[in-house]
Protein backbone atom coordinates (compact mmCIF):
# COMPACT_ATOMS: atom_id res chain seq x y z
CA MET A 1 0.02 -0.01 0.02
CA ASP A 2 1.48 3.31 -1.04
CA GLU A 3 1.91 6.34 1.17
CA ALA A 4 -0.78 8.37 -0.68
CA HIS A 5 -3.40 5.57 0.11
CA LYS A 6 -2.23 5.38 3.73
CA GLN A 7 -2.65 9.21 4.01
CA ALA A 8 -6.13 8.91 2.44
CA VAL A 9 -7.07 6.39 5.23
CA VAL A 10 -5.64 8.70 7.92
CA ASP A 11 -7.52 11.66 6.43
CA PHE A 12 -10.82 9.73 6.32
CA LEU A 13 -10.48 8.63 9.97
CA LYS A 14 -9.59 12.14 11.06
CA GLU A 15 -12.65 13.64 9.27
CA TYR A 16 -14.98 10.81 10.43
CA LYS A 17 -13.94 11.24 14.08
CA HIS A 18 -14.23 15.04 13.83
CA ILE A 19 -17.83 14.77 12.48
CA ALA A 20 -18.76 12.06 15.07
CA THR A 21 -17.45 14.06 18.00
CA THR A 22 -18.70 17.42 16.81
CA LYS A 23 -22.19 16.06 16.29
CA ARG A 24 -21.86 13.70 19.33
CA LYS A 25 -23.32 10.88 17.29
CA ILE A 26 -22.48 8.00 15.00
CA ASP A 27 -25.47 7.00 12.95
CA VAL A 28 -25.52 3.17 13.07
CA ILE A 29 -27.70 1.38 10.57
CA PRO A 30 -30.31 -0.43 12.71
CA ARG A 31 -29.74 -3.92 11.14
CA LYS A 32 -30.45 -6.94 13.28
CA GLU A 33 -26.86 -8.09 12.79
CA ASN A 34 -25.51 -4.76 14.17
CA ARG A 35 -27.83 -4.85 17.15
CA ASP A 36 -27.13 -8.55 17.96
CA ALA A 37 -23.39 -7.87 17.79
CA LEU A 38 -23.60 -5.71 20.89
CA ILE A 39 -25.00 -8.54 22.94
CA GLU A 40 -22.56 -11.12 21.41
CA LEU A 41 -19.56 -8.89 22.06
CA GLY A 42 -20.83 -7.69 25.47
CA LEU A 43 -20.82 -4.07 24.46
CA THR A 44 -23.09 -1.11 24.97
CA GLU A 45 -23.82 1.44 22.31
CA ARG A 46 -21.31 3.79 23.94
CA ASN A 47 -18.62 1.00 23.90
CA ARG A 48 -19.27 0.49 20.20
CA GLU A 49 -18.83 4.23 19.58
CA ASP A 50 -15.58 4.23 21.60
CA GLU A 51 -14.34 1.22 19.52
CA ILE A 52 -15.13 3.03 16.28
CA LEU A 53 -13.50 6.31 17.52
CA SER A 54 -10.32 4.37 18.44
CA LEU A 55 -9.76 2.98 14.94
CA SER A 56 -6.38 3.63 13.39
CA LEU A 57 -4.54 3.11 10.12
CA GLN A 58 -3.46 -0.39 11.45
CA ASP A 59 -7.17 -1.40 11.54
CA PHE A 60 -7.75 -0.53 7.91
CA CYS A 61 -8.88 -3.37 5.67
CA ASN A 62 -10.25 -1.93 2.43
CA GLY A 63 -11.47 1.18 0.65
CA PRO A 64 -12.53 3.55 -0.58
CA GLU A 65 -15.16 1.56 -2.46
CA ALA A 66 -18.23 3.12 -4.14
CA ASP A 67 -21.38 2.58 -2.02
CA ARG A 68 -23.61 0.38 -4.12
CA ASP A 69 -26.79 1.64 -2.47
CA ARG A 70 -26.32 5.38 -2.07
CA ALA A 71 -23.98 8.14 -3.14
CA GLY A 72 -20.52 8.21 -1.54
CA VAL A 73 -17.73 5.76 -0.57
CA ILE A 74 -17.29 3.03 2.02
CA TRP A 75 -14.21 2.25 4.15
CA GLU A 76 -13.77 -1.13 5.84
CA PHE A 77 -11.89 -1.74 9.06
CA GLY A 78 -11.46 -4.66 11.45
CA LYS A 79 -10.44 -5.00 15.03
CA GLU A 80 -10.29 -7.63 17.77
CA ILE A 81 -12.87 -6.87 20.45
CA ASN A 82 -13.30 -9.18 23.42
CA GLY A 83 -11.53 -11.98 21.65
CA LYS A 84 -13.47 -11.75 18.39
CA GLU A 85 -12.53 -10.18 15.03
CA VAL A 86 -15.08 -7.47 14.28
CA TYR A 87 -15.92 -6.14 10.84
CA ILE A 88 -16.59 -2.41 10.79
CA LYS A 89 -17.87 -0.57 7.68
CA LEU A 90 -17.90 3.23 7.80
CA LYS A 91 -19.00 6.07 5.60
CA ILE A 92 -19.20 9.88 5.70
CA ALA A 93 -22.62 10.72 4.21
CA GLU A 94 -23.80 14.00 2.83
CA THR A 95 -27.24 15.06 3.99
CA SER A 96 -29.26 18.29 3.78
CA ALA A 97 -28.08 19.04 7.34
CA GLY A 98 -24.37 18.50 6.41
CA LYS A 99 -22.06 15.53 6.76
CA ILE A 100 -22.78 12.67 9.13
CA ALA A 101 -20.65 9.82 10.44
CA LYS A 102 -22.39 6.48 9.52
CA CYS A 103 -21.60 2.95 10.55
CA LEU A 104 -23.09 0.53 8.11
CA SER A 105 -21.74 -2.66 9.72
CA PHE A 106 -20.36 -3.55 13.16
CA HIS A 107 -20.44 -7.28 13.69
CA GLU A 108 -18.24 -10.37 14.03
CA ALA A 109 -16.30 -10.83 10.78
CA ARG A 110 -17.66 -13.61 8.61
CA PHE A 111 -14.16 -14.09 7.00
CA PRO A 112 -10.64 -13.35 8.21
CA GLN A 113 -9.82 -9.76 7.45
CA CYS A 114 -6.69 -8.48 5.63
CA TYR A 115 -4.73 -5.62 7.30
CA PRO A 116 -2.34 -4.12 4.78
CA CYS A 117 -0.90 -1.56 7.27
CA LYS A 118 -0.13 -3.98 10.14
C-alpha cells in the first residue's frame, strides 16, 4: 500500500472522528446483525462508539469503495474486540443538514480480514 493511500485512510479517519465528536453521534444502521453484535460482544452502544473512535491506520482493511446503495464511498476496518474479530464498515454521508458519520456494519467478521498496514 503506497503512502498516498495510507494518507487517504488517515484523512478519512480524522474527518470521520471530527464529524462524530462534533455532532456527538455516530449513525449506526439499525440492522439486526448490528444490534445482535452488541450482545454477542458484551458491548453497550457507547462502547461500540468508543471502539469506532479508536480505529487507526493499522485497523484498515479496504477502501474507498463506491457505495452500491447510495452516493459516496465506504471504508472497511477490522479489530479484535473481546477476543473476536469485528468487521466495521464506515461512511461519511452527505445530508441536507451536512455531513454525518455513519456505521453501516459492526459485527463479528464472517471471514478473516486483511490488514495491509499492520
